Amino acid sequence: MHRVTVAVLAALVVGLLTGTAGAGVFGSPIVAADTSGHEWRSYPGDREQDFFAAGAGKVDGGLQKFTLFAHEGPHGDFGFVFVTFTDPLGGTIVSYVVNVNCVNIQALAGSDDFDRGILRGYATRVTPVPNLVGLQDGDPVVVGIRDGGKPGPMPVDDFFAPNADAVPPPTSCKNLTYLGELNNVTQGDVIIRQF
């Protein structure tokens, strides 16, 4: 019975990681064409200001851990994201690093509150290989983030890493929008700042 329970839990976690948010699955908060009725604007690349996003924490009660740093500015985009997914028993499903080469920090049109973004790059140091989500070194990965403010008793930030690129390259991350309002960072913080 214990093996059946573990198998069912593992299948549910893989379904959550790949089925609800995987490569182009309907309902993903990362979209190439926004049909939400809102208008979003990206950082104007011709300005001399830079944005950075940083954070670390746990998502969904600890099934996912992350650390991130990303920079967007007139001299280029760069950064990294470290992600580990575990099953409910604490076993590693997959762990990887994303070498970020495209950052798109966004604000709702008419607002100066750049509070969300898309980070895109390629997976490296993927372990184990093979893994239940099929991720390998060199695979494109896209991540959605949102800074909902100061952490408090209720989660306010988003970290969305579906283990697969929702919109395959060559679409630039500058043409993607993050629509999420997941409030799923249950421990830690995501910070987006302009400097």
C-alpha atoms as a PDB file:
ATOM      1  CA  MET A   1       0.000   0.000   0.000  1.00  0.00           C
ATOM      2  CA  HIS A   2       2.856   2.399   0.812  1.00  0.00           C
ATOM      3  CA  ARG A   3       4.319   1.999  -2.709  1.00  0.00           C
ATOM      4  CA  VAL A   4       0.931   2.735  -4.262  1.00  0.00           C
ATOM      5  CA  THR A   5       0.581   5.879  -2.150  1.00  0.00           C
ATOM      6  CA  VAL A   6       4.084   7.063  -3.136  1.00  0.00           C
ATOM      7  CA  ALA A   7       3.368   6.343  -6.822  1.00  0.00           C
ATOM      8  CA  VAL A   8       0.086   8.278  -6.684  1.00  0.00           C
ATOM      9  CA  LEU A   9       1.727  11.232  -4.918  1.00  0.00           C
ATOM     10  CA  ALA A  10       4.567  11.260  -7.459  1.00  0.00           C
ATOM     11  CA  ALA A  11       2.068  11.191 -10.346  1.00  0.00           C
ATOM     12  CA  LEU A  12       0.121  14.088  -8.818  1.00  0.00           C
ATOM     13  CA  VAL A  13       3.270  16.168  -8.371  1.00  0.00           C
ATOM     14  CA  VAL A  14       4.408  15.486 -11.947  1.00  0.00           C
ATOM     15  CA  GLY A  15       0.929  16.441 -13.131  1.00  0.00           C
ATOM     16  CA  LEU A  16       1.161  19.703 -11.236  1.00  0.00           C
ATOM     17  CA  LEU A  17       4.628  20.416 -12.583  1.00  0.00           C
ATOM     18  CA  THR A  18       3.969  19.534 -16.210  1.00  0.00           C
ATOM     19  CA  GLY A  19       0.234  19.344 -16.807  1.00  0.00           C
ATOM     20  CA  THR A  20      -1.012  22.564 -15.280  1.00  0.00           C
ATOM     21  CA  ALA A  21       1.869  24.742 -16.302  1.00  0.00           C
ATOM     22  CA  GLY A  22       3.880  22.901 -18.887  1.00  0.00           C
ATOM     23  CA  ALA A  23       4.841  23.645 -22.437  1.00  0.00           C
ATOM     24  CA  GLY A  24       2.053  25.756 -23.786  1.00  0.00           C
ATOM     25  CA  VAL A  25      -0.700  24.181 -21.694  1.00  0.00           C
ATOM     26  CA  PHE A  26      -3.943  26.188 -21.696  1.00  0.00           C
ATOM     27  CA  GLY A  27      -4.206  28.387 -18.645  1.00  0.00           C
ATOM     28  CA  SER A  28      -0.493  29.195 -18.283  1.00  0.00           C
ATOM     29  CA  PRO A  29       0.094  32.671 -16.793  1.00  0.00           C
ATOM     30  CA  ILE A  30       2.890  33.212 -19.353  1.00  0.00           C
ATOM     31  CA  VAL A  31       1.404  34.241 -22.672  1.00  0.00           C
ATOM     32  CA  ALA A  32       2.555  35.639 -26.015  1.00  0.00           C
ATOM     33  CA  ALA A  33      -0.786  37.323 -26.707  1.00  0.00           C
ATOM     34  CA  ASP A  34      -2.615  38.809 -23.724  1.00  0.00           C
ATOM     35  CA  THR A  35      -6.342  38.197 -23.858  1.00  0.00           C
ATOM     36  CA  SER A  36      -7.007  39.304 -20.266  1.00  0.00           C
ATOM     37  CA  GLY A  37      -8.258  42.738 -21.308  1.00  0.00           C
ATOM     38  CA  HIS A  38      -5.376  44.452 -19.478  1.00  0.00           C
ATOM     39  CA  GLU A  39      -2.570  46.273 -21.193  1.00  0.00           C
ATOM     40  CA  TRP A  40       0.963  45.711 -19.931  1.00  0.00           C
ATOM     41  CA  ARG A  41       4.062  47.692 -20.699  1.00  0.00           C
ATOM     42  CA  SER A  42       7.666  46.610 -20.582  1.00  0.00           C
ATOM     43  CA  TYR A  43      10.721  48.494 -19.475  1.00  0.00           C
ATOM     44  CA  PRO A  44      11.619  51.040 -22.182  1.00  0.00           C
ATOM     45  CA  GLY A  45      15.026  49.823 -23.316  1.00  0.00           C
ATOM     46  CA  ASP A  46      16.183  53.256 -24.448  1.00  0.00           C
ATOM     47  CA  ARG A  47      16.320  54.583 -20.860  1.00  0.00           C
ATOM     48  CA  GLU A  48      19.465  54.546 -18.753  1.00  0.00           C
ATOM     49  CA  GLN A  49      17.794  52.905 -15.766  1.00  0.00           C
ATOM     50  CA  ASP A  50      18.204  49.263 -14.871  1.00  0.00           C
ATOM     51  CA  PHE A  51      15.892  46.785 -13.182  1.00  0.00           C
ATOM     52  CA  PHE A  52      16.884  43.872 -11.049  1.00  0.00           C
ATOM     53  CA  ALA A  53      14.878  41.026  -9.626  1.00  0.00           C
ATOM     54  CA  ALA A  54      16.110  38.965  -6.715  1.00  0.00           C
ATOM     55  CA  GLY A  55      14.623  36.483  -4.340  1.00  0.00           C
ATOM     56  CA  ALA A  56      14.656  33.130  -2.667  1.00  0.00           C
ATOM     57  CA  GLY A  57      12.058  31.000  -1.027  1.00  0.00           C
ATOM     58  CA  LYS A  58       9.639  28.135  -1.184  1.00  0.00           C
ATOM     59  CA  VAL A  59       6.565  27.701  -3.322  1.00  0.00           C
ATOM     60  CA  ASP A  60       3.431  25.697  -2.648  1.00  0.00           C
ATOM     61  CA  GLY A  61       4.370  24.763   0.899  1.00  0.00           C
ATOM     62  CA  GLY A  62       7.908  23.705   0.045  1.00  0.00           C
ATOM     63  CA  LEU A  63       7.465  21.397  -2.975  1.00  0.00           C
ATOM     64  CA  GLN A  64       9.534  23.895  -4.939  1.00  0.00           C
ATOM     65  CA  LYS A  65      12.539  25.920  -3.745  1.00  0.00           C
ATOM     66  CA  PHE A  66      14.100  28.780  -5.705  1.00  0.00           C
ATOM     67  CA  THR A  67      16.836  31.368  -5.716  1.00  0.00           C
ATOM     68  CA  LEU A  68      17.001  34.038  -8.412  1.00  0.00           C
ATOM     69  CA  PHE A  69      18.867  37.109  -9.545  1.00  0.00           C
ATOM     70  CA  ALA A  70      18.165  38.811 -12.860  1.00  0.00           C
ATOM     71  CA  HIS A  71      19.136  42.140 -14.392  1.00  0.00           C
ATOM     72  CA  GLU A  72      17.563  44.091 -17.258  1.00  0.00           C
ATOM     73  CA  GLY A  73      19.082  47.264 -18.579  1.00  0.00           C
ATOM     74  CA  PRO A  74      20.446  49.176 -21.550  1.00  0.00           C
ATOM     75  CA  HIS A  75      23.671  47.139 -21.457  1.00  0.00           C
ATOM     76  CA  GLY A  76      22.002  43.724 -21.576  1.00  0.00           C
ATOM     77  CA  ASP A  77      20.106  41.091 -19.652  1.00  0.00           C
ATOM     78  CA  PHE A  78      21.658  38.409 -17.469  1.00  0.00           C
ATOM     79  CA  GLY A  79      21.124  36.373 -14.343  1.00  0.00           C
ATOM     80  CA  PHE A  80      20.395  32.948 -12.942  1.00  0.00           C
ATOM     81  CA  VAL A  81      17.552  30.982 -11.401  1.00  0.00           C
ATOM     82  CA  PHE A  82      18.117  27.901  -9.243  1.00  0.00           C
ATOM     83  CA  VAL A  83      15.107  25.579  -8.851  1.00  0.00           C
ATOM     84  CA  THR A  84      14.520  22.323  -6.978  1.00  0.00           C
ATOM     85  CA  PHE A  85      11.238  20.405  -7.155  1.00  0.00           C
ATOM     86  CA  THR A  86      10.593  17.724  -4.548  1.00  0.00           C
ATOM     87  CA  ASP A  87       7.850  15.197  -4.027  1.00  0.00           C
ATOM     88  CA  PRO A  88       5.680  15.291  -0.873  1.00  0.00           C
ATOM     89  CA  LEU A  89       8.097  12.880   0.825  1.00  0.00           C
ATOM     90  CA  GLY A  90      11.090  15.194   0.212  1.00  0.00           C
ATOM     91  CA  GLY A  91      12.673  13.274  -2.677  1.00  0.00           C
ATOM     92  CA  THR A  92      14.158  15.386  -5.474  1.00  0.00           C
ATOM     93  CA  ILE A  93      12.159  15.261  -8.709  1.00  0.00           C
ATOM     94  CA  VAL A  94      14.487  17.661 -10.533  1.00  0.00           C
ATOM     95  CA  SER A  95      17.033  20.333  -9.662  1.00  0.00           C
ATOM     96  CA  TYR A  96      18.500  22.766 -12.187  1.00  0.00           C
ATOM     97  CA  VAL A  97      19.996  26.180 -12.876  1.00  0.00           C
ATOM     98  CA  VAL A  98      18.696  28.536 -15.569  1.00  0.00           C
ATOM     99  CA  ASN A  99      21.321  30.785 -17.148  1.00  0.00           C
ATOM    100  CA  VAL A 100      19.100  33.810 -17.819  1.00  0.00           C
ATOM    101  CA  ASN A 101      19.734  35.700 -21.062  1.00  0.00           C
ATOM    102  CA  CYS A 102      16.425  37.569 -21.456  1.00  0.00           C
ATOM    103  CA  VAL A 103      14.581  39.611 -18.811  1.00  0.00           C
ATOM    104  CA  ASN A 104      11.293  41.481 -19.311  1.00  0.00           C
ATOM    105  CA  ILE A 105      10.133  43.504 -16.284  1.00  0.00           C
ATOM    106  CA  GLN A 106       6.558  44.760 -16.722  1.00  0.00           C
ATOM    107  CA  ALA A 107       3.926  47.106 -15.306  1.00  0.00           C
ATOM    108  CA  LEU A 108       0.220  47.525 -15.898  1.00  0.00           C
ATOM    109  CA  ALA A 109      -0.274  50.255 -18.526  1.00  0.00           C
ATOM    110  CA  GLY A 110      -0.609  53.651 -16.852  1.00  0.00           C
ATOM    111  CA  SER A 111       1.295  52.498 -13.768  1.00  0.00           C
ATOM    112  CA  ASP A 112       4.893  53.075 -12.745  1.00  0.00           C
ATOM    113  CA  ASP A 113       4.788  49.972 -10.543  1.00  0.00           C
ATOM    114  CA  PHE A 114       6.994  47.487 -12.419  1.00  0.00           C
ATOM    115  CA  ASP A 115       6.042  44.510 -10.270  1.00  0.00           C
ATOM    116  CA  ARG A 116       6.253  41.432 -12.522  1.00  0.00           C
ATOM    117  CA  GLY A 117       8.469  39.899 -15.127  1.00  0.00           C
ATOM    118  CA  ILE A 118       9.574  37.109 -17.401  1.00  0.00           C
ATOM    119  CA  LEU A 119      13.001  35.477 -17.065  1.00  0.00           C
ATOM    120  CA  ARG A 120      14.148  33.233 -19.884  1.00  0.00           C
ATOM    121  CA  GLY A 121      17.234  31.153 -20.472  1.00  0.00           C
ATOM    122  CA  TYR A 122      18.604  27.632 -20.724  1.00  0.00           C
ATOM    123  CA  ALA A 123      18.784  24.868 -18.146  1.00  0.00           C
ATOM    124  CA  THR A 124      22.174  23.693 -16.918  1.00  0.00           C
ATOM    125  CA  ARG A 125      23.289  21.332 -14.160  1.00  0.00           C
ATOM    126  CA  VAL A 126      20.055  19.353 -14.412  1.00  0.00           C
ATOM    127  CA  THR A 127      19.903  16.446 -11.946  1.00  0.00           C
ATOM    128  CA  PRO A 128      18.841  13.731 -12.027  1.00  0.00           C
ATOM    129  CA  VAL A 129      18.883  12.874 -15.714  1.00  0.00           C
ATOM    130  CA  PRO A 130      16.567  11.418 -16.757  1.00  0.00           C
ATOM    131  CA  ASN A 131      13.910  12.965 -14.517  1.00  0.00           C
ATOM    132  CA  LEU A 132      10.131  12.784 -14.279  1.00  0.00           C
ATOM    133  CA  VAL A 133       9.600  16.105 -16.099  1.00  0.00           C
ATOM    134  CA  GLY A 134      11.976  15.333 -18.999  1.00  0.00           C
ATOM    135  CA  LEU A 135      14.228  18.375 -18.476  1.00  0.00           C
ATOM    136  CA  GLN A 136      17.807  18.183 -19.796  1.00  0.00           C
ATOM    137  CA  ASP A 137      20.831  20.464 -19.992  1.00  0.00           C
ATOM    138  CA  GLY A 138      20.299  23.027 -22.744  1.00  0.00           C
ATOM    139  CA  ASP A 139      16.486  22.988 -22.652  1.00  0.00           C
ATOM    140  CA  PRO A 140      14.836  26.433 -22.816  1.00  0.00           C
ATOM    141  CA  VAL A 141      13.082  27.487 -19.605  1.00  0.00           C
ATOM    142  CA  VAL A 142      10.834  30.462 -18.917  1.00  0.00           C
ATOM    143  CA  VAL A 143       9.987  31.757 -15.425  1.00  0.00           C
ATOM    144  CA  GLY A 144       7.298  34.207 -14.318  1.00  0.00           C
ATOM    145  CA  ILE A 145       7.749  36.348 -11.202  1.00  0.00           C
ATOM    146  CA  ARG A 146       5.713  38.971  -9.340  1.00  0.00           C
ATOM    147  CA  ASP A 147       6.607  41.216  -6.405  1.00  0.00           C
ATOM    148  CA  GLY A 148       3.339  41.612  -4.520  1.00  0.00           C
ATOM    149  CA  GLY A 149       4.854  43.677  -1.729  1.00  0.00           C
ATOM    150  CA  LYS A 150       6.250  42.970   1.682  1.00  0.00           C
ATOM    151  CA  PRO A 151       5.749  39.403   2.914  1.00  0.00           C
ATOM    152  CA  GLY A 152       3.192  39.059   5.670  1.00  0.00           C
ATOM    153  CA  PRO A 153       0.894  36.444   7.114  1.00  0.00           C
ATOM    154  CA  MET A 154      -0.552  35.746   3.633  1.00  0.00           C
ATOM    155  CA  PRO A 155       1.610  35.014   0.534  1.00  0.00           C
ATOM    156  CA  VAL A 156       1.877  37.990  -1.859  1.00  0.00           C
ATOM    157  CA  ASP A 157       4.558  37.033  -4.420  1.00  0.00           C
ATOM    158  CA  ASP A 158       4.639  34.749  -7.460  1.00  0.00           C
ATOM    159  CA  PHE A 159       7.285  32.328  -8.672  1.00  0.00           C
ATOM    160  CA  PHE A 160       6.175  30.269 -11.669  1.00  0.00           C
ATOM    161  CA  ALA A 161       8.678  27.809 -13.166  1.00  0.00           C
ATOM    162  CA  PRO A 162       6.880  25.149 -15.182  1.00  0.00           C
ATOM    163  CA  ASN A 163      10.038  23.186 -16.172  1.00  0.00           C
ATOM    164  CA  ALA A 164       9.305  23.802 -19.828  1.00  0.00           C
ATOM    165  CA  ASP A 165       9.176  26.875 -21.993  1.00  0.00           C
ATOM    166  CA  ALA A 166       5.533  27.906 -22.382  1.00  0.00           C
ATOM    167  CA  VAL A 167       6.289  29.606 -25.715  1.00  0.00           C
ATOM    168  CA  PRO A 168       9.132  27.987 -27.665  1.00  0.00           C
ATOM    169  CA  PRO A 169      12.040  30.068 -28.998  1.00  0.00           C
ATOM    170  CA  PRO A 170      12.700  32.108 -31.091  1.00  0.00           C
ATOM    171  CA  THR A 171       9.967  34.275 -29.500  1.00  0.00           C
ATOM    172  CA  SER A 172      11.845  36.830 -27.380  1.00  0.00           C
ATOM    173  CA  CYS A 173      10.873  37.141 -23.730  1.00  0.00           C
ATOM    174  CA  LYS A 174      10.326  40.817 -24.552  1.00  0.00           C
ATOM    175  CA  ASN A 175       7.199  39.636 -26.415  1.00  0.00           C
ATOM    176  CA  LEU A 176       5.829  37.601 -23.492  1.00  0.00           C
ATOM    177  CA  THR A 177       3.593  38.760 -20.651  1.00  0.00           C
ATOM    178  CA  TYR A 178       3.284  37.356 -17.155  1.00  0.00           C
ATOM    179  CA  LEU A 179      -0.377  37.496 -16.050  1.00  0.00           C
ATOM    180  CA  GLY A 180      -0.013  35.567 -12.803  1.00  0.00           C
ATOM    181  CA  GLU A 181      -1.578  36.504  -9.485  1.00  0.00           C
ATOM    182  CA  LEU A 182      -0.666  33.202  -7.861  1.00  0.00           C
ATOM    183  CA  ASN A 183       0.476  34.420  -4.434  1.00  0.00           C
ATOM    184  CA  ASN A 184       2.281  31.087  -4.158  1.00  0.00           C
ATOM    185  CA  VAL A 185       5.581  32.061  -2.475  1.00  0.00           C
ATOM    186  CA  THR A 186       4.766  30.627   0.937  1.00  0.00           C
ATOM    187  CA  GLN A 187       8.190  31.361   2.431  1.00  0.00           C
ATOM    188  CA  GLY A 188      10.724  33.947   1.268  1.00  0.00           C
ATOM    189  CA  ASP A 189      10.419  36.986  -0.993  1.00  0.00           C
ATOM    190  CA  VAL A 190      10.609  38.175  -4.604  1.00  0.00           C
ATOM    191  CA  ILE A 191      11.898  41.732  -5.026  1.00  0.00           C
ATOM    192  CA  ILE A 192      11.841  43.817  -8.222  1.00  0.00           C
ATOM    193  CA  ARG A 193      13.573  47.203  -8.097  1.00  0.00           C
ATOM    194  CA  GLN A 194      14.625  49.959 -10.457  1.00  0.00           C
ATOM    195  CA  PHE A 195      17.994  51.663  -9.958  1.00  0.00           C
END
